Amino acid sequence: MQQQNSQNQQGTMQQPPDMISTKDHLYITDMLTWNLLAMKKAHFYAGQCQNQELADGLTQAGEMHSRHYQQILQLLQNGNQQQIQ
């Protein structure tokens, strides 16, 4: 147990690296793609629903995915601005 704790403490990064790995880049791309697709599907299905309560729930889900997409983009842009300065 002690060995696991020391490995976790040693593996914890105090500050993000100046550049991201290819694997990280691919994962970020996937996150953006998943959120964009979920947003589009929720919007489409909300428009197809005749049950207003269900349509409202799908609209809220789509808005949540839209916010997540924007938050990821904002984090990436803020990180890029810090690199430029």
PDB file of N, CA and C in Angstrom:
ATOM      1  N   MET A   1       0.818  -1.190   0.000  1.00  0.00           N
ATOM      2  CA  MET A   1       0.000   0.000   0.000  1.00  0.00           C
ATOM      3  C   MET A   1       0.866   1.259   0.000  1.00  0.00           C
ATOM      4  N   GLN A   2       1.911   1.252   0.801  1.00  0.00           N
ATOM      5  CA  GLN A   2       2.827   2.392   0.874  1.00  0.00           C
ATOM      6  C   GLN A   2       3.469   2.643  -0.480  1.00  0.00           C
ATOM      7  N   GLN A   3       3.777   1.576  -1.191  1.00  0.00           N
ATOM      8  CA  GLN A   3       4.413   1.713  -2.500  1.00  0.00           C
ATOM      9  C   GLN A   3       3.480   2.407  -3.489  1.00  0.00           C
ATOM     10  N   GLN A   4       2.185   2.063  -3.465  1.00  0.00           N
ATOM     11  CA  GLN A   4       1.229   2.708  -4.359  1.00  0.00           C
ATOM     12  C   GLN A   4       1.104   4.195  -4.058  1.00  0.00           C
ATOM     13  N   ASN A   5       1.057   4.557  -2.787  1.00  0.00           N
ATOM     14  CA  ASN A   5       0.932   5.965  -2.422  1.00  0.00           C
ATOM     15  C   ASN A   5       2.121   6.771  -2.896  1.00  0.00           C
ATOM     16  N   SER A   6       3.322   6.229  -2.766  1.00  0.00           N
ATOM     17  CA  SER A   6       4.504   6.968  -3.199  1.00  0.00           C
ATOM     18  C   SER A   6       4.531   7.118  -4.716  1.00  0.00           C
ATOM     19  N   GLN A   7       4.044   6.097  -5.420  1.00  0.00           N
ATOM     20  CA  GLN A   7       3.999   6.201  -6.882  1.00  0.00           C
ATOM     21  C   GLN A   7       2.998   7.265  -7.314  1.00  0.00           C
ATOM     22  N   ASN A   8       1.855   7.313  -6.645  1.00  0.00           N
ATOM     23  CA  ASN A   8       0.856   8.326  -6.986  1.00  0.00           C
ATOM     24  C   ASN A   8       1.389   9.730  -6.720  1.00  0.00           C
ATOM     25  N   GLN A   9       2.082   9.904  -5.609  1.00  0.00           N
ATOM     26  CA  GLN A   9       2.621  11.212  -5.279  1.00  0.00           C
ATOM     27  C   GLN A   9       3.706  11.608  -6.267  1.00  0.00           C
ATOM     28  N   GLN A  10       4.517  10.661  -6.683  1.00  0.00           N
ATOM     29  CA  GLN A  10       5.576  10.960  -7.638  1.00  0.00           C
ATOM     30  C   GLN A  10       5.017  11.228  -9.026  1.00  0.00           C
ATOM     31  N   GLY A  11       3.905  10.587  -9.376  1.00  0.00           N
ATOM     32  CA  GLY A  11       3.325  10.740 -10.704  1.00  0.00           C
ATOM     33  C   GLY A  11       2.430  11.953 -10.851  1.00  0.00           C
ATOM     34  N   THR A  12       2.149  12.673  -9.779  1.00  0.00           N
ATOM     35  CA  THR A  12       1.271  13.838  -9.840  1.00  0.00           C
ATOM     36  C   THR A  12       2.039  15.040 -10.376  1.00  0.00           C
ATOM     37  N   MET A  13       1.484  15.642 -11.404  1.00  0.00           N
ATOM     38  CA  MET A  13       2.118  16.796 -12.028  1.00  0.00           C
ATOM     39  C   MET A  13       1.616  18.068 -11.352  1.00  0.00           C
ATOM     40  N   GLN A  14       2.512  18.895 -10.874  1.00  0.00           N
ATOM     41  CA  GLN A  14       2.128  20.133 -10.200  1.00  0.00           C
ATOM     42  C   GLN A  14       1.721  21.219 -11.184  1.00  0.00           C
ATOM     43  N   GLN A  15       2.249  21.170 -12.390  1.00  0.00           N
ATOM     44  CA  GLN A  15       1.960  22.166 -13.420  1.00  0.00           C
ATOM     45  C   GLN A  15       1.906  21.448 -14.758  1.00  0.00           C
ATOM     46  N   PRO A  16       0.971  21.808 -15.635  1.00  0.00           N
ATOM     47  CA  PRO A  16       0.890  21.132 -16.931  1.00  0.00           C
ATOM     48  C   PRO A  16       2.148  21.402 -17.766  1.00  0.00           C
ATOM     49  N   PRO A  17       2.502  20.457 -18.618  1.00  0.00           N
ATOM     50  CA  PRO A  17       3.685  20.656 -19.462  1.00  0.00           C
ATOM     51  C   PRO A  17       3.441  21.745 -20.506  1.00  0.00           C
ATOM     52  N   ASP A  18       4.514  22.260 -21.082  1.00  0.00           N
ATOM     53  CA  ASP A  18       4.411  23.319 -22.085  1.00  0.00           C
ATOM     54  C   ASP A  18       3.821  22.816 -23.398  1.00  0.00           C
ATOM     55  N   MET A  19       3.939  21.527 -23.651  1.00  0.00           N
ATOM     56  CA  MET A  19       3.348  20.974 -24.867  1.00  0.00           C
ATOM     57  C   MET A  19       2.628  19.677 -24.531  1.00  0.00           C
ATOM     58  N   ILE A  20       1.708  19.297 -25.374  1.00  0.00           N
ATOM     59  CA  ILE A  20       0.958  18.070 -25.121  1.00  0.00           C
ATOM     60  C   ILE A  20       1.447  16.972 -26.046  1.00  0.00           C
ATOM     61  N   SER A  21       1.263  15.746 -25.606  1.00  0.00           N
ATOM     62  CA  SER A  21       1.685  14.601 -26.408  1.00  0.00           C
ATOM     63  C   SER A  21       0.672  14.357 -27.525  1.00  0.00           C
ATOM     64  N   THR A  22       1.060  13.533 -28.455  1.00  0.00           N
ATOM     65  CA  THR A  22       0.157  13.156 -29.551  1.00  0.00           C
ATOM     66  C   THR A  22      -1.081  12.460 -28.994  1.00  0.00           C
ATOM     67  N   LYS A  23      -0.874  11.596 -28.004  1.00  0.00           N
ATOM     68  CA  LYS A  23      -1.995  10.886 -27.394  1.00  0.00           C
ATOM     69  C   LYS A  23      -2.963  11.868 -26.735  1.00  0.00           C
ATOM     70  N   ASP A  24      -2.426  12.864 -26.021  1.00  0.00           N
ATOM     71  CA  ASP A  24      -3.282  13.886 -25.406  1.00  0.00           C
ATOM     72  C   ASP A  24      -4.039  14.672 -26.466  1.00  0.00           C
ATOM     73  N   HIS A  25      -3.363  15.019 -27.542  1.00  0.00           N
ATOM     74  CA  HIS A  25      -3.999  15.765 -28.638  1.00  0.00           C
ATOM     75  C   HIS A  25      -5.154  14.976 -29.221  1.00  0.00           C
ATOM     76  N   LEU A  26      -4.952  13.684 -29.431  1.00  0.00           N
ATOM     77  CA  LEU A  26      -6.012  12.839 -29.983  1.00  0.00           C
ATOM     78  C   LEU A  26      -7.191  12.742 -29.008  1.00  0.00           C
ATOM     79  N   TYR A  27      -6.892  12.649 -27.721  1.00  0.00           N
ATOM     80  CA  TYR A  27      -7.966  12.568 -26.738  1.00  0.00           C
ATOM     81  C   TYR A  27      -8.756  13.874 -26.688  1.00  0.00           C
ATOM     82  N   ILE A  28      -8.089  14.997 -26.753  1.00  0.00           N
ATOM     83  CA  ILE A  28      -8.777  16.295 -26.762  1.00  0.00           C
ATOM     84  C   ILE A  28      -9.665  16.406 -28.002  1.00  0.00           C
ATOM     85  N   THR A  29      -9.142  15.972 -29.136  1.00  0.00           N
ATOM     86  CA  THR A  29      -9.930  15.970 -30.372  1.00  0.00           C
ATOM     87  C   THR A  29     -11.164  15.095 -30.208  1.00  0.00           C
ATOM     88  N   ASP A  30     -10.993  13.929 -29.596  1.00  0.00           N
ATOM     89  CA  ASP A  30     -12.136  13.040 -29.351  1.00  0.00           C
ATOM     90  C   ASP A  30     -13.160  13.701 -28.444  1.00  0.00           C
ATOM     91  N   MET A  31     -12.711  14.362 -27.374  1.00  0.00           N
ATOM     92  CA  MET A  31     -13.646  15.029 -26.463  1.00  0.00           C
ATOM     93  C   MET A  31     -14.473  16.084 -27.197  1.00  0.00           C
ATOM     94  N   LEU A  32     -13.812  16.862 -28.044  1.00  0.00           N
ATOM     95  CA  LEU A  32     -14.534  17.881 -28.804  1.00  0.00           C
ATOM     96  C   LEU A  32     -15.540  17.228 -29.755  1.00  0.00           C
ATOM     97  N   THR A  33     -15.113  16.172 -30.426  1.00  0.00           N
ATOM     98  CA  THR A  33     -15.979  15.469 -31.373  1.00  0.00           C
ATOM     99  C   THR A  33     -17.183  14.860 -30.669  1.00  0.00           C
ATOM    100  N   TRP A  34     -16.953  14.212 -29.529  1.00  0.00           N
ATOM    101  CA  TRP A  34     -18.057  13.582 -28.789  1.00  0.00           C
ATOM    102  C   TRP A  34     -19.073  14.620 -28.345  1.00  0.00           C
ATOM    103  N   ASN A  35     -18.611  15.732 -27.819  1.00  0.00           N
ATOM    104  CA  ASN A  35     -19.536  16.760 -27.347  1.00  0.00           C
ATOM    105  C   ASN A  35     -20.297  17.403 -28.496  1.00  0.00           C
ATOM    106  N   LEU A  36     -19.624  17.653 -29.600  1.00  0.00           N
ATOM    107  CA  LEU A  36     -20.294  18.247 -30.751  1.00  0.00           C
ATOM    108  C   LEU A  36     -21.352  17.303 -31.313  1.00  0.00           C
ATOM    109  N   LEU A  37     -21.011  16.018 -31.423  1.00  0.00           N
ATOM    110  CA  LEU A  37     -21.965  15.044 -31.943  1.00  0.00           C
ATOM    111  C   LEU A  37     -23.163  14.894 -31.004  1.00  0.00           C
ATOM    112  N   ALA A  38     -22.905  14.812 -29.696  1.00  0.00           N
ATOM    113  CA  ALA A  38     -23.999  14.686 -28.729  1.00  0.00           C
ATOM    114  C   ALA A  38     -24.910  15.908 -28.776  1.00  0.00           C
ATOM    115  N   MET A  39     -24.308  17.091 -28.937  1.00  0.00           N
ATOM    116  CA  MET A  39     -25.089  18.325 -29.030  1.00  0.00           C
ATOM    117  C   MET A  39     -25.991  18.277 -30.271  1.00  0.00           C
ATOM    118  N   LYS A  40     -25.428  17.883 -31.399  1.00  0.00           N
ATOM    119  CA  LYS A  40     -26.207  17.833 -32.640  1.00  0.00           C
ATOM    120  C   LYS A  40     -27.322  16.798 -32.560  1.00  0.00           C
ATOM    121  N   LYS A  41     -27.035  15.634 -31.986  1.00  0.00           N
ATOM    122  CA  LYS A  41     -28.063  14.589 -31.872  1.00  0.00           C
ATOM    123  C   LYS A  41     -29.184  15.028 -30.936  1.00  0.00           C
ATOM    124  N   ALA A  42     -28.827  15.631 -29.815  1.00  0.00           N
ATOM    125  CA  ALA A  42     -29.851  16.082 -28.876  1.00  0.00           C
ATOM    126  C   ALA A  42     -30.748  17.128 -29.529  1.00  0.00           C
ATOM    127  N   HIS A  43     -30.145  18.048 -30.284  1.00  0.00           N
ATOM    128  CA  HIS A  43     -30.933  19.078 -30.978  1.00  0.00           C
ATOM    129  C   HIS A  43     -31.860  18.441 -32.010  1.00  0.00           C
ATOM    130  N   PHE A  44     -31.338  17.485 -32.763  1.00  0.00           N
ATOM    131  CA  PHE A  44     -32.153  16.821 -33.784  1.00  0.00           C
ATOM    132  C   PHE A  44     -33.343  16.095 -33.155  1.00  0.00           C
ATOM    133  N   TYR A  45     -33.042  15.289 -32.122  1.00  0.00           N
ATOM    134  CA  TYR A  45     -34.112  14.496 -31.511  1.00  0.00           C
ATOM    135  C   TYR A  45     -35.101  15.362 -30.741  1.00  0.00           C
ATOM    136  N   ALA A  46     -34.649  16.475 -30.186  1.00  0.00           N
ATOM    137  CA  ALA A  46     -35.574  17.392 -29.512  1.00  0.00           C
ATOM    138  C   ALA A  46     -36.584  17.936 -30.528  1.00  0.00           C
ATOM    139  N   GLY A  47     -36.136  18.170 -31.748  1.00  0.00           N
ATOM    140  CA  GLY A  47     -37.033  18.651 -32.796  1.00  0.00           C
ATOM    141  C   GLY A  47     -38.007  17.598 -33.286  1.00  0.00           C
ATOM    142  N   GLN A  48     -37.672  16.324 -33.078  1.00  0.00           N
ATOM    143  CA  GLN A  48     -38.531  15.225 -33.519  1.00  0.00           C
ATOM    144  C   GLN A  48     -39.565  14.805 -32.470  1.00  0.00           C
ATOM    145  N   CYS A  49     -39.358  15.230 -31.218  1.00  0.00           N
ATOM    146  CA  CYS A  49     -40.224  14.801 -30.107  1.00  0.00           C
ATOM    147  C   CYS A  49     -41.567  15.499 -30.131  1.00  0.00           C
ATOM    148  N   GLN A  50     -42.596  14.713 -29.840  1.00  0.00           N
ATOM    149  CA  GLN A  50     -43.920  15.295 -29.656  1.00  0.00           C
ATOM    150  C   GLN A  50     -44.205  15.516 -28.182  1.00  0.00           C
ATOM    151  N   ASN A  51     -43.475  14.826 -27.328  1.00  0.00           N
ATOM    152  CA  ASN A  51     -43.601  14.996 -25.881  1.00  0.00           C
ATOM    153  C   ASN A  51     -42.734  16.187 -25.474  1.00  0.00           C
ATOM    154  N   GLN A  52     -43.364  17.261 -25.011  1.00  0.00           N
ATOM    155  CA  GLN A  52     -42.634  18.494 -24.714  1.00  0.00           C
ATOM    156  C   GLN A  52     -41.645  18.317 -23.572  1.00  0.00           C
ATOM    157  N   GLU A  53     -41.993  17.511 -22.580  1.00  0.00           N
ATOM    158  CA  GLU A  53     -41.094  17.281 -21.447  1.00  0.00           C
ATOM    159  C   GLU A  53     -39.812  16.587 -21.912  1.00  0.00           C
ATOM    160  N   LEU A  54     -39.954  15.619 -22.772  1.00  0.00           N
ATOM    161  CA  LEU A  54     -38.797  14.919 -23.321  1.00  0.00           C
ATOM    162  C   LEU A  54     -37.978  15.846 -24.221  1.00  0.00           C
ATOM    163  N   ALA A  55     -38.645  16.649 -25.023  1.00  0.00           N
ATOM    164  CA  ALA A  55     -37.954  17.607 -25.888  1.00  0.00           C
ATOM    165  C   ALA A  55     -37.160  18.613 -25.052  1.00  0.00           C
ATOM    166  N   ASP A  56     -37.741  19.066 -23.939  1.00  0.00           N
ATOM    167  CA  ASP A  56     -37.033  20.000 -23.057  1.00  0.00           C
ATOM    168  C   ASP A  56     -35.793  19.345 -22.452  1.00  0.00           C
ATOM    169  N   GLY A  57     -35.921  18.080 -22.052  1.00  0.00           N
ATOM    170  CA  GLY A  57     -34.780  17.355 -21.497  1.00  0.00           C
ATOM    171  C   GLY A  57     -33.666  17.190 -22.517  1.00  0.00           C
ATOM    172  N   LEU A  58     -34.030  16.889 -23.751  1.00  0.00           N
ATOM    173  CA  LEU A  58     -33.033  16.757 -24.813  1.00  0.00           C
ATOM    174  C   LEU A  58     -32.386  18.101 -25.129  1.00  0.00           C
ATOM    175  N   THR A  59     -33.169  19.156 -25.092  1.00  0.00           N
ATOM    176  CA  THR A  59     -32.617  20.497 -25.320  1.00  0.00           C
ATOM    177  C   THR A  59     -31.611  20.848 -24.224  1.00  0.00           C
ATOM    178  N   GLN A  60     -31.945  20.538 -22.990  1.00  0.00           N
ATOM    179  CA  GLN A  60     -31.025  20.797 -21.880  1.00  0.00           C
ATOM    180  C   GLN A  60     -29.743  19.976 -22.030  1.00  0.00           C
ATOM    181  N   ALA A  61     -29.885  18.721 -22.446  1.00  0.00           N
ATOM    182  CA  ALA A  61     -28.703  17.869 -22.650  1.00  0.00           C
ATOM    183  C   ALA A  61     -27.830  18.446 -23.762  1.00  0.00           C
ATOM    184  N   GLY A  62     -28.455  18.899 -24.831  1.00  0.00           N
ATOM    185  CA  GLY A  62     -27.703  19.510 -25.926  1.00  0.00           C
ATOM    186  C   GLY A  62     -26.977  20.768 -25.494  1.00  0.00           C
ATOM    187  N   GLU A  63     -27.641  21.583 -24.675  1.00  0.00           N
ATOM    188  CA  GLU A  63     -27.014  22.807 -24.165  1.00  0.00           C
ATOM    189  C   GLU A  63     -25.827  22.479 -23.252  1.00  0.00           C
ATOM    190  N   MET A  64     -25.950  21.407 -22.465  1.00  0.00           N
ATOM    191  CA  MET A  64     -24.857  20.990 -21.599  1.00  0.00           C
ATOM    192  C   MET A  64     -23.643  20.597 -22.439  1.00  0.00           C
ATOM    193  N   HIS A  65     -23.864  19.819 -23.495  1.00  0.00           N
ATOM    194  CA  HIS A  65     -22.762  19.406 -24.359  1.00  0.00           C
ATOM    195  C   HIS A  65     -22.160  20.609 -25.087  1.00  0.00           C
ATOM    196  N   SER A  66     -22.984  21.566 -25.441  1.00  0.00           N
ATOM    197  CA  SER A  66     -22.487  22.792 -26.063  1.00  0.00           C
ATOM    198  C   SER A  66     -21.585  23.561 -25.098  1.00  0.00           C
ATOM    199  N   ARG A  67     -22.006  23.654 -23.827  1.00  0.00           N
ATOM    200  CA  ARG A  67     -21.176  24.326 -22.818  1.00  0.00           C
ATOM    201  C   ARG A  67     -19.844  23.604 -22.630  1.00  0.00           C
ATOM    202  N   HIS A  68     -19.899  22.282 -22.577  1.00  0.00           N
ATOM    203  CA  HIS A  68     -18.660  21.515 -22.417  1.00  0.00           C
ATOM    204  C   HIS A  68     -17.716  21.748 -23.600  1.00  0.00           C
ATOM    205  N   TYR A  69     -18.272  21.766 -24.796  1.00  0.00           N
ATOM    206  CA  TYR A  69     -17.478  22.018 -26.006  1.00  0.00           C
ATOM    207  C   TYR A  69     -16.800  23.389 -25.909  1.00  0.00           C
ATOM    208  N   GLN A  70     -17.582  24.402 -25.524  1.00  0.00           N
ATOM    209  CA  GLN A  70     -17.043  25.759 -25.405  1.00  0.00           C
ATOM    210  C   GLN A  70     -15.996  25.860 -24.298  1.00  0.00           C
ATOM    211  N   GLN A  71     -16.213  25.159 -23.190  1.00  0.00           N
ATOM    212  CA  GLN A  71     -15.253  25.179 -22.093  1.00  0.00           C
ATOM    213  C   GLN A  71     -13.922  24.561 -22.510  1.00  0.00           C
ATOM    214  N   ILE A  72     -13.978  23.470 -23.249  1.00  0.00           N
ATOM    215  CA  ILE A  72     -12.743  22.836 -23.729  1.00  0.00           C
ATOM    216  C   ILE A  72     -12.003  23.783 -24.665  1.00  0.00           C
ATOM    217  N   LEU A  73     -12.729  24.393 -25.596  1.00  0.00           N
ATOM    218  CA  LEU A  73     -12.099  25.352 -26.505  1.00  0.00           C
ATOM    219  C   LEU A  73     -11.484  26.526 -25.744  1.00  0.00           C
ATOM    220  N   GLN A  74     -12.197  27.019 -24.747  1.00  0.00           N
ATOM    221  CA  GLN A  74     -11.699  28.156 -23.965  1.00  0.00           C
ATOM    222  C   GLN A  74     -10.425  27.767 -23.212  1.00  0.00           C
ATOM    223  N   LEU A  75     -10.390  26.583 -22.640  1.00  0.00           N
ATOM    224  CA  LEU A  75      -9.189  26.120 -21.949  1.00  0.00           C
ATOM    225  C   LEU A  75      -8.007  26.027 -22.899  1.00  0.00           C
ATOM    226  N   LEU A  76      -8.270  25.528 -24.095  1.00  0.00           N
ATOM    227  CA  LEU A  76      -7.198  25.414 -25.081  1.00  0.00           C
ATOM    228  C   LEU A  76      -6.719  26.794 -25.528  1.00  0.00           C
ATOM    229  N   GLN A  77      -7.646  27.725 -25.723  1.00  0.00           N
ATOM    230  CA  GLN A  77      -7.259  29.069 -26.136  1.00  0.00           C
ATOM    231  C   GLN A  77      -6.516  29.805 -25.031  1.00  0.00           C
ATOM    232  N   ASN A  78      -6.949  29.633 -23.787  1.00  0.00           N
ATOM    233  CA  ASN A  78      -6.255  30.279 -22.663  1.00  0.00           C
ATOM    234  C   ASN A  78      -4.842  29.729 -22.528  1.00  0.00           C
ATOM    235  N   GLY A  79      -4.678  28.427 -22.697  1.00  0.00           N
ATOM    236  CA  GLY A  79      -3.357  27.836 -22.645  1.00  0.00           C
ATOM    237  C   GLY A  79      -2.468  28.337 -23.758  1.00  0.00           C
ATOM    238  N   ASN A  80      -3.040  28.546 -24.929  1.00  0.00           N
ATOM    239  CA  ASN A  80      -2.283  29.055 -26.065  1.00  0.00           C
ATOM    240  C   ASN A  80      -1.867  30.507 -25.825  1.00  0.00           C
ATOM    241  N   GLN A  81      -2.742  31.311 -25.242  1.00  0.00           N
ATOM    242  CA  GLN A  81      -2.412  32.708 -24.949  1.00  0.00           C
ATOM    243  C   GLN A  81      -1.287  32.803 -23.935  1.00  0.00           C
ATOM    244  N   GLN A  82      -1.280  31.900 -22.959  1.00  0.00           N
ATOM    245  CA  GLN A  82      -0.209  31.904 -21.971  1.00  0.00           C
ATOM    246  C   GLN A  82       1.126  31.530 -22.613  1.00  0.00           C
ATOM    247  N   GLN A  83       1.096  30.666 -23.624  1.00  0.00           N
ATOM    248  CA  GLN A  83       2.314  30.271 -24.320  1.00  0.00           C
ATOM    249  C   GLN A  83       2.886  31.437 -25.112  1.00  0.00           C
ATOM    250  N   ILE A  84       2.007  32.262 -25.690  1.00  0.00           N
ATOM    251  CA  ILE A  84       2.443  33.389 -26.525  1.00  0.00           C
ATOM    252  C   ILE A  84       3.104  34.455 -25.669  1.00  0.00           C
ATOM    253  N   GLN A  85       2.613  34.678 -24.473  1.00  0.00           N
ATOM    254  CA  GLN A  85       3.130  35.747 -23.617  1.00  0.00           C
ATOM    255  C   GLN A  85       4.424  35.372 -23.032  1.00  0.00           C
TER     256      GLN A  85
END
